[in-house]
Amino acid sequence: MRQPSWRRVELACELVDAIWRNDVDRVRRLVAEHPELRDENALGDDSNWGPPMSHAANLGRAEIVEAL
């Protein structure tokens, strides 16, 4: 996993954890504070996870998909 900064690593972990836990409010807050997260790969440039919406859809997190 390649990230431009440690902060981006932290954000990636927070976002993936929020999606995994189905924490819609946390996902909304993270994306509101860091809108670039919506379009980047969830775990970084070299990951095959895709953007957060794809990850949420693969886990069946419909409410998060709608929020994104």
PDB file of N, CA and C in Angstrom:
ATOM      1  N   MET A   1       0.851  -1.175   0.000  1.00  0.00           N
ATOM      2  CA  MET A   1       0.000   0.000   0.000  1.00  0.00           C
ATOM      3  C   MET A   1       0.890   1.229   0.000  1.00  0.00           C
ATOM      4  N   ARG A   2       0.731   2.055  -0.996  1.00  0.00           N
ATOM      5  CA  ARG A   2       1.513   3.283  -1.099  1.00  0.00           C
ATOM      6  C   ARG A   2       0.607   4.481  -0.824  1.00  0.00           C
ATOM      7  N   GLN A   3       1.020   5.327   0.085  1.00  0.00           N
ATOM      8  CA  GLN A   3       0.263   6.516   0.448  1.00  0.00           C
ATOM      9  C   GLN A   3       1.175   7.737   0.402  1.00  0.00           C
ATOM     10  N   PRO A   4       0.619   8.919   0.115  1.00  0.00           N
ATOM     11  CA  PRO A   4       1.449  10.114   0.055  1.00  0.00           C
ATOM     12  C   PRO A   4       1.904  10.622   1.421  1.00  0.00           C
ATOM     13  N   SER A   5       1.235  10.192   2.485  1.00  0.00           N
ATOM     14  CA  SER A   5       1.593  10.676   3.822  1.00  0.00           C
ATOM     15  C   SER A   5       1.038   9.733   4.882  1.00  0.00           C
ATOM     16  N   TRP A   6       1.565   9.873   6.090  1.00  0.00           N
ATOM     17  CA  TRP A   6       1.049   9.075   7.208  1.00  0.00           C
ATOM     18  C   TRP A   6      -0.391   9.453   7.518  1.00  0.00           C
ATOM     19  N   ARG A   7      -0.731  10.716   7.341  1.00  0.00           N
ATOM     20  CA  ARG A   7      -2.119  11.146   7.588  1.00  0.00           C
ATOM     21  C   ARG A   7      -3.066  10.418   6.641  1.00  0.00           C
ATOM     22  N   ARG A   8      -2.662  10.234   5.397  1.00  0.00           N
ATOM     23  CA  ARG A   8      -3.518   9.524   4.441  1.00  0.00           C
ATOM     24  C   ARG A   8      -3.651   8.054   4.837  1.00  0.00           C
ATOM     25  N   VAL A   9      -2.606   7.472   5.377  1.00  0.00           N
ATOM     26  CA  VAL A   9      -2.686   6.097   5.884  1.00  0.00           C
ATOM     27  C   VAL A   9      -3.727   6.029   6.995  1.00  0.00           C
ATOM     28  N   GLU A  10      -3.659   6.988   7.906  1.00  0.00           N
ATOM     29  CA  GLU A  10      -4.618   7.041   9.017  1.00  0.00           C
ATOM     30  C   GLU A  10      -6.046   7.196   8.494  1.00  0.00           C
ATOM     31  N   LEU A  11      -6.237   8.092   7.538  1.00  0.00           N
ATOM     32  CA  LEU A  11      -7.572   8.294   6.968  1.00  0.00           C
ATOM     33  C   LEU A  11      -8.075   7.036   6.264  1.00  0.00           C
ATOM     34  N   ALA A  12      -7.178   6.354   5.558  1.00  0.00           N
ATOM     35  CA  ALA A  12      -7.562   5.108   4.892  1.00  0.00           C
ATOM     36  C   ALA A  12      -8.058   4.081   5.899  1.00  0.00           C
ATOM     37  N   CYS A  13      -7.328   3.952   6.993  1.00  0.00           N
ATOM     38  CA  CYS A  13      -7.726   2.995   8.041  1.00  0.00           C
ATOM     39  C   CYS A  13      -9.059   3.391   8.664  1.00  0.00           C
ATOM     40  N   GLU A  14      -9.227   4.673   8.951  1.00  0.00           N
ATOM     41  CA  GLU A  14     -10.477   5.148   9.544  1.00  0.00           C
ATOM     42  C   GLU A  14     -11.657   4.899   8.609  1.00  0.00           C
ATOM     43  N   LEU A  15     -11.469   5.206   7.330  1.00  0.00           N
ATOM     44  CA  LEU A  15     -12.558   5.050   6.374  1.00  0.00           C
ATOM     45  C   LEU A  15     -12.933   3.585   6.171  1.00  0.00           C
ATOM     46  N   VAL A  16     -11.954   2.735   5.982  1.00  0.00           N
ATOM     47  CA  VAL A  16     -12.228   1.315   5.783  1.00  0.00           C
ATOM     48  C   VAL A  16     -12.870   0.721   7.035  1.00  0.00           C
ATOM     49  N   ASP A  17     -12.396   1.118   8.202  1.00  0.00           N
ATOM     50  CA  ASP A  17     -12.990   0.639   9.451  1.00  0.00           C
ATOM     51  C   ASP A  17     -14.443   1.086   9.567  1.00  0.00           C
ATOM     52  N   ALA A  18     -14.717   2.343   9.225  1.00  0.00           N
ATOM     53  CA  ALA A  18     -16.089   2.851   9.304  1.00  0.00           C
ATOM     54  C   ALA A  18     -17.005   2.106   8.339  1.00  0.00           C
ATOM     55  N   ILE A  19     -16.508   1.827   7.137  1.00  0.00           N
ATOM     56  CA  ILE A  19     -17.310   1.063   6.174  1.00  0.00           C
ATOM     57  C   ILE A  19     -17.543  -0.350   6.701  1.00  0.00           C
ATOM     58  N   TRP A  20     -16.500  -0.981   7.185  1.00  0.00           N
ATOM     59  CA  TRP A  20     -16.612  -2.345   7.713  1.00  0.00           C
ATOM     60  C   TRP A  20     -17.628  -2.421   8.854  1.00  0.00           C
ATOM     61  N   ARG A  21     -17.610  -1.423   9.733  1.00  0.00           N
ATOM     62  CA  ARG A  21     -18.516  -1.405  10.885  1.00  0.00           C
ATOM     63  C   ARG A  21     -19.901  -0.856  10.548  1.00  0.00           C
ATOM     64  N   ASN A  22     -20.081  -0.460   9.281  1.00  0.00           N
ATOM     65  CA  ASN A  22     -21.347   0.109   8.818  1.00  0.00           C
ATOM     66  C   ASN A  22     -21.702   1.386   9.586  1.00  0.00           C
ATOM     67  N   ASP A  23     -20.693   2.197   9.854  1.00  0.00           N
ATOM     68  CA  ASP A  23     -20.847   3.447  10.606  1.00  0.00           C
ATOM     69  C   ASP A  23     -21.046   4.591   9.610  1.00  0.00           C
ATOM     70  N   VAL A  24     -22.288   4.786   9.209  1.00  0.00           N
ATOM     71  CA  VAL A  24     -22.629   5.761   8.174  1.00  0.00           C
ATOM     72  C   VAL A  24     -22.241   7.173   8.602  1.00  0.00           C
ATOM     73  N   ASP A  25     -22.506   7.525   9.841  1.00  0.00           N
ATOM     74  CA  ASP A  25     -22.189   8.875  10.310  1.00  0.00           C
ATOM     75  C   ASP A  25     -20.690   9.164  10.229  1.00  0.00           C
ATOM     76  N   ARG A  26     -19.891   8.200  10.595  1.00  0.00           N
ATOM     77  CA  ARG A  26     -18.442   8.379  10.539  1.00  0.00           C
ATOM     78  C   ARG A  26     -17.959   8.506   9.101  1.00  0.00           C
ATOM     79  N   VAL A  27     -18.514   7.703   8.195  1.00  0.00           N
ATOM     80  CA  VAL A  27     -18.154   7.799   6.777  1.00  0.00           C
ATOM     81  C   VAL A  27     -18.520   9.186   6.256  1.00  0.00           C
ATOM     82  N   ARG A  28     -19.725   9.645   6.567  1.00  0.00           N
ATOM     83  CA  ARG A  28     -20.145  10.983   6.119  1.00  0.00           C
ATOM     84  C   ARG A  28     -19.209  12.061   6.642  1.00  0.00           C
ATOM     85  N   ARG A  29     -18.845  11.970   7.915  1.00  0.00           N
ATOM     86  CA  ARG A  29     -17.963  12.968   8.528  1.00  0.00           C
ATOM     87  C   ARG A  29     -16.591  12.958   7.857  1.00  0.00           C
ATOM     88  N   LEU A  30     -16.028  11.778   7.662  1.00  0.00           N
ATOM     89  CA  LEU A  30     -14.706  11.682   7.039  1.00  0.00           C
ATOM     90  C   LEU A  30     -14.706  12.258   5.629  1.00  0.00           C
ATOM     91  N   VAL A  31     -15.729  11.933   4.850  1.00  0.00           N
ATOM     92  CA  VAL A  31     -15.790  12.411   3.468  1.00  0.00           C
ATOM     93  C   VAL A  31     -16.106  13.910   3.424  1.00  0.00           C
ATOM     94  N   ALA A  32     -16.885  14.398   4.365  1.00  0.00           N
ATOM     95  CA  ALA A  32     -17.156  15.841   4.418  1.00  0.00           C
ATOM     96  C   ALA A  32     -15.877  16.616   4.733  1.00  0.00           C
ATOM     97  N   GLU A  33     -15.069  16.078   5.633  1.00  0.00           N
ATOM     98  CA  GLU A  33     -13.821  16.738   6.019  1.00  0.00           C
ATOM     99  C   GLU A  33     -12.717  16.537   4.988  1.00  0.00           C
ATOM    100  N   HIS A  34     -12.776  15.435   4.251  1.00  0.00           N
ATOM    101  CA  HIS A  34     -11.736  15.083   3.273  1.00  0.00           C
ATOM    102  C   HIS A  34     -12.403  14.564   2.003  1.00  0.00           C
ATOM    103  N   PRO A  35     -13.006  15.454   1.202  1.00  0.00           N
ATOM    104  CA  PRO A  35     -13.779  15.019   0.031  1.00  0.00           C
ATOM    105  C   PRO A  35     -12.989  14.196  -0.982  1.00  0.00           C
ATOM    106  N   GLU A  36     -11.679  14.342  -0.984  1.00  0.00           N
ATOM    107  CA  GLU A  36     -10.856  13.569  -1.922  1.00  0.00           C
ATOM    108  C   GLU A  36     -10.950  12.068  -1.659  1.00  0.00           C
ATOM    109  N   LEU A  37     -11.330  11.689  -0.432  1.00  0.00           N
ATOM    110  CA  LEU A  37     -11.460  10.268  -0.081  1.00  0.00           C
ATOM    111  C   LEU A  37     -12.518   9.564  -0.916  1.00  0.00           C
ATOM    112  N   ARG A  38     -13.522  10.304  -1.329  1.00  0.00           N
ATOM    113  CA  ARG A  38     -14.635   9.710  -2.069  1.00  0.00           C
ATOM    114  C   ARG A  38     -14.169   9.101  -3.391  1.00  0.00           C
ATOM    115  N   ASP A  39     -13.134   9.693  -4.010  1.00  0.00           N
ATOM    116  CA  ASP A  39     -12.718   9.269  -5.347  1.00  0.00           C
ATOM    117  C   ASP A  39     -11.430   8.461  -5.377  1.00  0.00           C
ATOM    118  N   GLU A  40     -10.682   8.442  -4.293  1.00  0.00           N
ATOM    119  CA  GLU A  40      -9.428   7.695  -4.245  1.00  0.00           C
ATOM    120  C   GLU A  40      -9.693   6.242  -3.879  1.00  0.00           C
ATOM    121  N   ASN A  41      -8.741   5.367  -4.184  1.00  0.00           N
ATOM    122  CA  ASN A  41      -8.856   3.989  -3.725  1.00  0.00           C
ATOM    123  C   ASN A  41      -8.891   3.985  -2.206  1.00  0.00           C
ATOM    124  N   ALA A  42      -9.740   3.164  -1.654  1.00  0.00           N
ATOM    125  CA  ALA A  42      -9.940   3.158  -0.207  1.00  0.00           C
ATOM    126  C   ALA A  42      -8.651   2.929   0.569  1.00  0.00           C
ATOM    127  N   LEU A  43      -7.782   2.046   0.067  1.00  0.00           N
ATOM    128  CA  LEU A  43      -6.553   1.743   0.809  1.00  0.00           C
ATOM    129  C   LEU A  43      -5.292   2.258   0.134  1.00  0.00           C
ATOM    130  N   GLY A  44      -5.419   3.123  -0.837  1.00  0.00           N
ATOM    131  CA  GLY A  44      -4.232   3.705  -1.438  1.00  0.00           C
ATOM    132  C   GLY A  44      -4.075   3.396  -2.903  1.00  0.00           C
ATOM    133  N   ASP A  45      -3.058   3.981  -3.478  1.00  0.00           N
ATOM    134  CA  ASP A  45      -2.830   3.911  -4.909  1.00  0.00           C
ATOM    135  C   ASP A  45      -2.672   2.497  -5.446  1.00  0.00           C
ATOM    136  N   ASP A  46      -2.000   1.645  -4.717  1.00  0.00           N
ATOM    137  CA  ASP A  46      -1.686   0.310  -5.216  1.00  0.00           C
ATOM    138  C   ASP A  46      -2.697  -0.759  -4.801  1.00  0.00           C
ATOM    139  N   SER A  47      -3.769  -0.361  -4.157  1.00  0.00           N
ATOM    140  CA  SER A  47      -4.719  -1.370  -3.693  1.00  0.00           C
ATOM    141  C   SER A  47      -5.727  -1.685  -4.783  1.00  0.00           C
ATOM    142  N   ASN A  48      -6.324  -2.845  -4.697  1.00  0.00           N
ATOM    143  CA  ASN A  48      -7.370  -3.208  -5.647  1.00  0.00           C
ATOM    144  C   ASN A  48      -8.754  -3.097  -5.006  1.00  0.00           C
ATOM    145  N   TRP A  49      -8.847  -2.384  -3.897  1.00  0.00           N
ATOM    146  CA  TRP A  49     -10.113  -2.225  -3.196  1.00  0.00           C
ATOM    147  C   TRP A  49     -11.043  -1.275  -3.924  1.00  0.00           C
ATOM    148  N   GLY A  50     -10.498  -0.400  -4.728  1.00  0.00           N
ATOM    149  CA  GLY A  50     -11.315   0.581  -5.428  1.00  0.00           C
ATOM    150  C   GLY A  50     -11.747   1.688  -4.493  1.00  0.00           C
ATOM    151  N   PRO A  51     -12.590   2.587  -5.015  1.00  0.00           N
ATOM    152  CA  PRO A  51     -13.054   3.695  -4.196  1.00  0.00           C
ATOM    153  C   PRO A  51     -13.967   3.199  -3.076  1.00  0.00           C
ATOM    154  N   PRO A  52     -14.180   4.024  -2.062  1.00  0.00           N
ATOM    155  CA  PRO A  52     -15.000   3.618  -0.918  1.00  0.00           C
ATOM    156  C   PRO A  52     -16.386   3.094  -1.303  1.00  0.00           C
ATOM    157  N   MET A  53     -17.009   3.696  -2.311  1.00  0.00           N
ATOM    158  CA  MET A  53     -18.338   3.230  -2.697  1.00  0.00           C
ATOM    159  C   MET A  53     -18.298   1.783  -3.174  1.00  0.00           C
ATOM    160  N   SER A  54     -17.287   1.419  -3.928  1.00  0.00           N
ATOM    161  CA  SER A  54     -17.147   0.032  -4.389  1.00  0.00           C
ATOM    162  C   SER A  54     -16.943  -0.909  -3.209  1.00  0.00           C
ATOM    163  N   HIS A  55     -16.097  -0.495  -2.286  1.00  0.00           N
ATOM    164  CA  HIS A  55     -15.845  -1.320  -1.099  1.00  0.00           C
ATOM    165  C   HIS A  55     -17.136  -1.504  -0.301  1.00  0.00           C
ATOM    166  N   ALA A  56     -17.871  -0.410  -0.102  1.00  0.00           N
ATOM    167  CA  ALA A  56     -19.134  -0.493   0.642  1.00  0.00           C
ATOM    168  C   ALA A  56     -20.137  -1.385  -0.088  1.00  0.00           C
ATOM    169  N   ALA A  57     -20.205  -1.265  -1.399  1.00  0.00           N
ATOM    170  CA  ALA A  57     -21.139  -2.091  -2.180  1.00  0.00           C
ATOM    171  C   ALA A  57     -20.775  -3.566  -2.080  1.00  0.00           C
ATOM    172  N   ASN A  58     -19.491  -3.870  -2.133  1.00  0.00           N
ATOM    173  CA  ASN A  58     -19.056  -5.266  -2.018  1.00  0.00           C
ATOM    174  C   ASN A  58     -19.421  -5.869  -0.675  1.00  0.00           C
ATOM    175  N   LEU A  59     -19.519  -5.022   0.354  1.00  0.00           N
ATOM    176  CA  LEU A  59     -19.897  -5.507   1.689  1.00  0.00           C
ATOM    177  C   LEU A  59     -21.403  -5.425   1.934  1.00  0.00           C
ATOM    178  N   GLY A  60     -22.160  -4.928   0.949  1.00  0.00           N
ATOM    179  CA  GLY A  60     -23.606  -4.810   1.109  1.00  0.00           C
ATOM    180  C   GLY A  60     -24.019  -3.677   2.016  1.00  0.00           C
ATOM    181  N   ARG A  61     -23.218  -2.621   2.080  1.00  0.00           N
ATOM    182  CA  ARG A  61     -23.516  -1.461   2.950  1.00  0.00           C
ATOM    183  C   ARG A  61     -24.299  -0.424   2.148  1.00  0.00           C
ATOM    184  N   ALA A  62     -25.563  -0.712   1.874  1.00  0.00           N
ATOM    185  CA  ALA A  62     -26.405   0.128   1.012  1.00  0.00           C
ATOM    186  C   ALA A  62     -26.524   1.555   1.519  1.00  0.00           C
ATOM    187  N   GLU A  63     -26.653   1.729   2.808  1.00  0.00           N
ATOM    188  CA  GLU A  63     -26.802   3.087   3.363  1.00  0.00           C
ATOM    189  C   GLU A  63     -25.538   3.916   3.146  1.00  0.00           C
ATOM    190  N   ILE A  64     -24.383   3.270   3.244  1.00  0.00           N
ATOM    191  CA  ILE A  64     -23.130   3.978   2.989  1.00  0.00           C
ATOM    192  C   ILE A  64     -23.005   4.299   1.508  1.00  0.00           C
ATOM    193  N   VAL A  65     -23.384   3.371   0.647  1.00  0.00           N
ATOM    194  CA  VAL A  65     -23.360   3.634  -0.798  1.00  0.00           C
ATOM    195  C   VAL A  65     -24.214   4.850  -1.101  1.00  0.00           C
ATOM    196  N   GLU A  66     -25.409   4.920  -0.535  1.00  0.00           N
ATOM    197  CA  GLU A  66     -26.287   6.075  -0.749  1.00  0.00           C
ATOM    198  C   GLU A  66     -25.649   7.352  -0.222  1.00  0.00           C
ATOM    199  N   ALA A  67     -24.998   7.278   0.915  1.00  0.00           N
ATOM    200  CA  ALA A  67     -24.371   8.467   1.512  1.00  0.00           C
ATOM    201  C   ALA A  67     -23.220   8.976   0.660  1.00  0.00           C
ATOM    202  N   LEU A  68     -22.510   8.051   0.017  1.00  0.00           N
ATOM    203  CA  LEU A  68     -21.370   8.452  -0.796  1.00  0.00           C
ATOM    204  C   LEU A  68     -21.827   8.966  -2.154  1.00  0.00           C
TER     205      LEU A  68
END
